Amino acid sequence: MGNTPRVGVYICHCGINIAATVDVAAVAAYASNLPGVVISRDYTYMCSDPGQAMIKDDIARLNLNRVVVASCSPLMHEPTFRACIASAGLNPYCFEMANIREQCSWVHPQSERVTHKAMQLVASAVAKVVRLEELQLRHVPVTPAALVIGGGIAGIQAALDFGDAGFDTTLVERAAQLGGHLVQWQRTFPTLQPVAEMLQPLLERTMQHPHISVFTEAELVNMQGYIGNFLADIKQGEQVTQVPAGVIVVATGFEAFDAHLKPEFGYGVYPQVITTLDFERLAAGELTVNGHKPQKVAFIQCVGSRDPSCGHSYCSRVCCMVTAKQAYTVREQLPDAEITVFYMDVRAFGKGFEEFYDRVREEGVLYRRGNPSEINRRGERVVVRAEDTLLGEPIELEADLVILAVGMTPRASAPAISSLLKLARSPDGFFMEAHPKLRPVDTAIAGVFLAGTCQGPKDVTETIAQARAAAAAGMIPLLRGQVQVDAATARIDEELCSGCGQCARACSFEALSLHPVTGVMRVNSVLCQGCGACAAACPSGAIDLRQYRFAQILAQVDELVASEIRLPAPSLQPVS
């Protein structure tokens, strides 16, 4: 590639996401006059096959050696465009992305100023891309084995998929047996299939599988390494076993909301008030309360879900159908009982869920849109006080049995697992995926995948689907035998480094260490995630980041200032 920059600039309409606010044709025309720009185009969807073909054709026809795409967040499509230019023979690191959607069109009303801002962002990206270096792609070998943390249905399914593909798999479970929460349930919804029919064959296959090693009453106590070369310390009976793995699937599950945190419902005070988990145990035998069969039964949904007062604003997704299934069970065992369900909204989103919900109501279960406020004792019964949110009036309902539909919460062990594996957590406390749409089972840590309810509330069907997806994603590096690691990592100027160790304390990935002979810091470029925390912490300025070097960032800042001077003054219109 020649030294003279030959830049192609491509402005995306993103349908109307950008084009409805930004004059993309004007931005493309502006970019065509920037230093080093050979071609500037706009297109409806740059990420589409025709959009990528346009870039590849221009690289070959015009001998481009740098590419800028102005579109959405780099988190969304930077890998897409890097792969695109690499397939055309260009170094993938000779690419820069300007975010004119999230940082421009989505956060401003339509005006000339918005278009001018898009122009500035494009000019800034061009100023940086001409200073980018060709970085060499690197590969590391992969240990052909998997580690699955958590022995619920998600962990079991993921382990079976790895094992069936011929990869040695270690399955670690904290409890004395596999199965997780599912072993506590009698039947699944909406088919009412006995759990044992589904779960027992999976348990037997797992325990007898030649490629699966099961550690029960065990926990992960230490983790080191990186994608392809993890080393996990598993503690079982005071014995610690070190297990190598190429990839890791986290399937640590959830905990049920503690109903004691809603004292207004009297859980733990009144024997007539139980949770959905308690009901499963009760319904396995004779359904009685204080030795009597209940004649009036009430269910309260969304206990610990959609409730900012207890810190859980999210929907737990399964509670509506758990309640429907249990109401159906009450009707089976107590044909003459009065059954009332207090609900906010019924979310019957899955396959066959709506039909099952209708079936339950046809059995005489009364759904009442109400917001219960408290439960008190009245003789041998309890009274549910609520507001009927459709009628807008307070109501009281006497009941022999009240079942609280408790939601899902992150496990208490989530912070420890997060610390060991360097996993991010969302505001609700569950583990965060790399991207909610494009990488739903990946994490920000290469080689670590999520499965099941550790990532967020979901039912059995969704849990198994995600477990199989996580295993499939994990098999890709195992089958290839090697993985590509990002070259945009930290770099240390040994002439400036004093070995103070501030950078190592700032690094979340343990990628920095002091060289015992030279006394300066060294970067493990495989562990380094290119976050830049070390560069910000270094007091002597000895660290910079490939692709984000000081000269490149300062060039962007200078161009933002210069482009503000070059742009014509907008004709401001009064706000109506």
Foldseek 3Di string as FASTA:
>chain_A
DDLQAEEEEEEECCQVLQVVAAVRVVLQVLLCPAPNYDHGYYDHGLLDPVNLVVVLVCCVPVVHAAYEYEEADCLVCLVSNLVSVVVSVHQSLLYFYFHLRPVASPPDHHFVVSNLVSSLSRSLRVLQSSVADRFDWDKDFADLAEEEEAQAPLSLLLQVVSLVVPHQYEYEEQAQAGHPPLVLAQADPDVRHGSCVVVVVSRVCQVPRPRYDYHYNKDWDAWDDAARWIWTWIAHPNDTDIDTHNFYEYEHAWDWDDLVVQCQAPVVNAQQEEALSVLRVCLVDQNAGPPHHKQEEEEEEQRAACDVVVPHNHHLPCLLQSVLVSLVSSCVRPVRHAYEYEDQDRCQPDVCSVVSSVVSVVSVHHYFHWDWDGWADDPQWIKTWIARVVVRHIDIDTTNHYYYRTGTAADPCLVVVCLNQVFDADSRGATAFSDVPPTVQHTLGPRYGYADPSRHRDDPVRRSVSSSVNSVVNVPSSVVRMDIADRFFKDFDLVQFQLPCQLCVQDSQNQWDADPPSSGIDGNRSSGSQPCSSCVRDPRNGMDTRSGGPVSNVSSVVSSVVSVVVDDDTDDDDDD
